[in-house]
Amino acid sequence: MQKIFYNYIMNIGEVIKELRLERDLSQQKLAEAIGVSQKAIDYWERGVNEPKASYVARLADFFEVTSDYLLGRE
């Protein structure tokens, strides 16, 4: 089960990074836009940890995608 959880973290981090780079945003600019630290963005993108549900919602709103998209479910 731990491996499945790890893969989930990597998927959302990869999606966040891809969306961020498509919009030519730095980690700092994204962090400011959704109200977290740059380090949080870095950790999410590298799969160190995952965003809380409230930040998944903020990211989805910011990037104009669904939460399911961010979670790799679409």
N, C-alpha and C. Protein backbone atom coordinates (compact mmCIF):
# COMPACT_ATOMS: atom_id res chain seq x y z
N MET A 1 0.82 -1.20 0.00
CA MET A 1 0.00 0.00 0.00
C MET A 1 0.86 1.26 0.00
N GLN A 2 1.97 1.26 0.66
CA GLN A 2 2.81 2.44 0.70
C GLN A 2 3.28 2.84 -0.70
N LYS A 3 3.59 1.89 -1.55
CA LYS A 3 4.03 2.20 -2.89
C LYS A 3 2.94 2.93 -3.68
N ILE A 4 1.70 2.51 -3.54
CA ILE A 4 0.59 3.17 -4.22
C ILE A 4 0.49 4.62 -3.75
N PHE A 5 0.58 4.85 -2.45
CA PHE A 5 0.54 6.20 -1.89
C PHE A 5 1.68 7.04 -2.45
N TYR A 6 2.87 6.48 -2.53
CA TYR A 6 4.02 7.20 -3.05
C TYR A 6 3.78 7.60 -4.50
N ASN A 7 3.24 6.69 -5.30
CA ASN A 7 2.96 7.01 -6.70
C ASN A 7 1.95 8.14 -6.81
N TYR A 8 0.96 8.17 -5.93
CA TYR A 8 -0.02 9.24 -5.92
C TYR A 8 0.66 10.58 -5.69
N ILE A 9 1.55 10.65 -4.74
CA ILE A 9 2.25 11.90 -4.46
C ILE A 9 3.03 12.35 -5.69
N MET A 10 3.72 11.45 -6.30
CA MET A 10 4.50 11.82 -7.48
C MET A 10 3.59 12.32 -8.61
N ASN A 11 2.44 11.70 -8.79
CA ASN A 11 1.57 12.13 -9.87
C ASN A 11 1.07 13.55 -9.68
N ILE A 12 0.60 13.88 -8.51
CA ILE A 12 0.10 15.23 -8.29
C ILE A 12 1.22 16.26 -8.39
N GLY A 13 2.38 15.91 -7.91
CA GLY A 13 3.53 16.82 -8.01
C GLY A 13 3.93 17.08 -9.44
N GLU A 14 3.90 16.04 -10.24
CA GLU A 14 4.23 16.19 -11.66
C GLU A 14 3.20 17.07 -12.37
N VAL A 15 1.94 16.89 -12.02
CA VAL A 15 0.88 17.70 -12.64
C VAL A 15 1.04 19.16 -12.24
N ILE A 16 1.29 19.41 -10.97
CA ILE A 16 1.49 20.79 -10.51
C ILE A 16 2.66 21.43 -11.25
N LYS A 17 3.76 20.71 -11.34
CA LYS A 17 4.94 21.26 -12.01
C LYS A 17 4.66 21.53 -13.49
N GLU A 18 3.99 20.59 -14.14
CA GLU A 18 3.68 20.76 -15.55
C GLU A 18 2.80 21.99 -15.78
N LEU A 19 1.76 22.13 -14.97
CA LEU A 19 0.88 23.29 -15.11
C LEU A 19 1.62 24.59 -14.83
N ARG A 20 2.47 24.57 -13.82
CA ARG A 20 3.24 25.77 -13.46
C ARG A 20 4.17 26.17 -14.60
N LEU A 21 4.87 25.21 -15.15
CA LEU A 21 5.82 25.51 -16.23
C LEU A 21 5.11 25.94 -17.51
N GLU A 22 3.93 25.35 -17.79
CA GLU A 22 3.16 25.77 -18.97
C GLU A 22 2.81 27.25 -18.90
N ARG A 23 2.64 27.75 -17.70
CA ARG A 23 2.28 29.15 -17.50
C ARG A 23 3.49 30.03 -17.20
N ASP A 24 4.65 29.44 -17.32
CA ASP A 24 5.92 30.17 -17.12
C ASP A 24 5.96 30.87 -15.76
N LEU A 25 5.53 30.14 -14.71
CA LEU A 25 5.54 30.66 -13.35
C LEU A 25 6.68 30.07 -12.55
N SER A 26 7.27 30.87 -11.71
CA SER A 26 8.25 30.35 -10.75
C SER A 26 7.48 29.69 -9.60
N GLN A 27 8.18 28.89 -8.84
CA GLN A 27 7.57 28.31 -7.65
C GLN A 27 7.12 29.42 -6.71
N GLN A 28 7.90 30.46 -6.59
CA GLN A 28 7.57 31.58 -5.70
C GLN A 28 6.28 32.27 -6.13
N LYS A 29 6.11 32.52 -7.41
CA LYS A 29 4.90 33.18 -7.90
C LYS A 29 3.66 32.33 -7.66
N LEU A 30 3.78 31.03 -7.90
CA LEU A 30 2.65 30.13 -7.63
C LEU A 30 2.34 30.12 -6.14
N ALA A 31 3.37 30.04 -5.33
CA ALA A 31 3.18 30.03 -3.88
C ALA A 31 2.43 31.28 -3.41
N GLU A 32 2.83 32.44 -3.91
CA GLU A 32 2.17 33.69 -3.54
C GLU A 32 0.71 33.69 -3.98
N ALA A 33 0.45 33.13 -5.14
CA ALA A 33 -0.91 33.14 -5.69
C ALA A 33 -1.88 32.28 -4.87
N ILE A 34 -1.37 31.20 -4.27
CA ILE A 34 -2.29 30.32 -3.53
C ILE A 34 -2.09 30.38 -2.02
N GLY A 35 -1.14 31.18 -1.57
CA GLY A 35 -0.98 31.40 -0.14
C GLY A 35 -0.19 30.35 0.63
N VAL A 36 0.87 29.85 -0.01
CA VAL A 36 1.77 28.91 0.67
C VAL A 36 3.20 29.38 0.48
N SER A 37 4.13 28.68 1.08
CA SER A 37 5.54 29.02 0.90
C SER A 37 6.08 28.39 -0.39
N GLN A 38 7.16 28.95 -0.87
CA GLN A 38 7.83 28.36 -2.04
C GLN A 38 8.30 26.96 -1.72
N LYS A 39 8.72 26.74 -0.49
CA LYS A 39 9.19 25.42 -0.06
C LYS A 39 8.07 24.38 -0.18
N ALA A 40 6.83 24.78 0.12
CA ALA A 40 5.69 23.86 -0.01
C ALA A 40 5.54 23.42 -1.47
N ILE A 41 5.64 24.37 -2.38
CA ILE A 41 5.53 24.03 -3.81
C ILE A 41 6.66 23.07 -4.20
N ASP A 42 7.86 23.37 -3.75
CA ASP A 42 9.01 22.52 -4.03
C ASP A 42 8.77 21.10 -3.51
N TYR A 43 8.30 20.98 -2.28
CA TYR A 43 8.05 19.66 -1.69
C TYR A 43 6.97 18.90 -2.45
N TRP A 44 5.92 19.59 -2.85
CA TRP A 44 4.86 18.93 -3.60
C TRP A 44 5.39 18.43 -4.94
N GLU A 45 6.14 19.27 -5.63
CA GLU A 45 6.63 18.89 -6.96
C GLU A 45 7.64 17.74 -6.88
N ARG A 46 8.40 17.70 -5.82
CA ARG A 46 9.39 16.62 -5.67
C ARG A 46 8.83 15.38 -4.99
N GLY A 47 7.58 15.43 -4.57
CA GLY A 47 6.96 14.27 -3.96
C GLY A 47 7.36 14.04 -2.51
N VAL A 48 7.90 15.06 -1.87
CA VAL A 48 8.28 14.94 -0.46
C VAL A 48 7.02 14.83 0.39
N ASN A 49 6.01 15.62 0.06
CA ASN A 49 4.70 15.50 0.69
C ASN A 49 3.64 15.95 -0.30
N GLU A 50 2.39 15.97 0.14
CA GLU A 50 1.30 16.31 -0.76
C GLU A 50 0.51 17.49 -0.20
N PRO A 51 -0.18 18.22 -1.07
CA PRO A 51 -0.99 19.34 -0.59
C PRO A 51 -2.24 18.85 0.14
N LYS A 52 -2.66 19.62 1.15
CA LYS A 52 -3.93 19.36 1.82
C LYS A 52 -5.06 19.60 0.82
N ALA A 53 -6.22 19.05 1.13
CA ALA A 53 -7.38 19.19 0.24
C ALA A 53 -7.68 20.65 -0.06
N SER A 54 -7.53 21.52 0.94
CA SER A 54 -7.83 22.94 0.70
C SER A 54 -6.88 23.55 -0.34
N TYR A 55 -5.64 23.09 -0.36
CA TYR A 55 -4.70 23.60 -1.36
C TYR A 55 -4.91 22.96 -2.72
N VAL A 56 -5.38 21.72 -2.74
CA VAL A 56 -5.74 21.11 -4.02
C VAL A 56 -6.85 21.94 -4.66
N ALA A 57 -7.82 22.35 -3.86
CA ALA A 57 -8.91 23.19 -4.38
C ALA A 57 -8.38 24.53 -4.88
N ARG A 58 -7.47 25.16 -4.13
CA ARG A 58 -6.89 26.44 -4.57
C ARG A 58 -6.11 26.28 -5.86
N LEU A 59 -5.33 25.20 -5.94
CA LEU A 59 -4.57 24.93 -7.16
C LEU A 59 -5.50 24.72 -8.35
N ALA A 60 -6.56 23.95 -8.15
CA ALA A 60 -7.51 23.70 -9.23
C ALA A 60 -8.14 25.01 -9.71
N ASP A 61 -8.54 25.85 -8.76
CA ASP A 61 -9.11 27.15 -9.14
C ASP A 61 -8.09 28.01 -9.87
N PHE A 62 -6.89 28.06 -9.34
CA PHE A 62 -5.85 28.90 -9.95
C PHE A 62 -5.54 28.45 -11.38
N PHE A 63 -5.39 27.14 -11.57
CA PHE A 63 -5.03 26.62 -12.89
C PHE A 63 -6.24 26.38 -13.80
N GLU A 64 -7.45 26.60 -13.24
CA GLU A 64 -8.69 26.39 -13.99
C GLU A 64 -8.79 24.96 -14.52
N VAL A 65 -8.53 24.02 -13.62
CA VAL A 65 -8.69 22.60 -13.89
C VAL A 65 -9.50 22.01 -12.74
N THR A 66 -9.90 20.77 -12.88
CA THR A 66 -10.63 20.12 -11.79
C THR A 66 -9.64 19.52 -10.79
N SER A 67 -10.14 19.29 -9.61
CA SER A 67 -9.33 18.59 -8.61
C SER A 67 -8.98 17.19 -9.11
N ASP A 68 -9.93 16.55 -9.77
CA ASP A 68 -9.65 15.22 -10.33
C ASP A 68 -8.47 15.27 -11.30
N TYR A 69 -8.39 16.31 -12.10
CA TYR A 69 -7.27 16.44 -13.03
C TYR A 69 -5.95 16.50 -12.26
N LEU A 70 -5.91 17.33 -11.22
CA LEU A 70 -4.69 17.44 -10.42
C LEU A 70 -4.30 16.11 -9.79
N LEU A 71 -5.32 15.34 -9.40
CA LEU A 71 -5.07 14.06 -8.74
C LEU A 71 -4.82 12.92 -9.73
N GLY A 72 -4.79 13.24 -11.01
CA GLY A 72 -4.49 12.22 -12.02
C GLY A 72 -5.67 11.29 -12.29
N ARG A 73 -6.88 11.78 -12.03
CA ARG A 73 -8.06 10.94 -12.20
C ARG A 73 -8.79 11.22 -13.48
N GLU A 74 -8.30 12.11 -14.31
CA GLU A 74 -8.92 12.41 -15.60
C GLU A 74 -7.94 12.13 -16.70
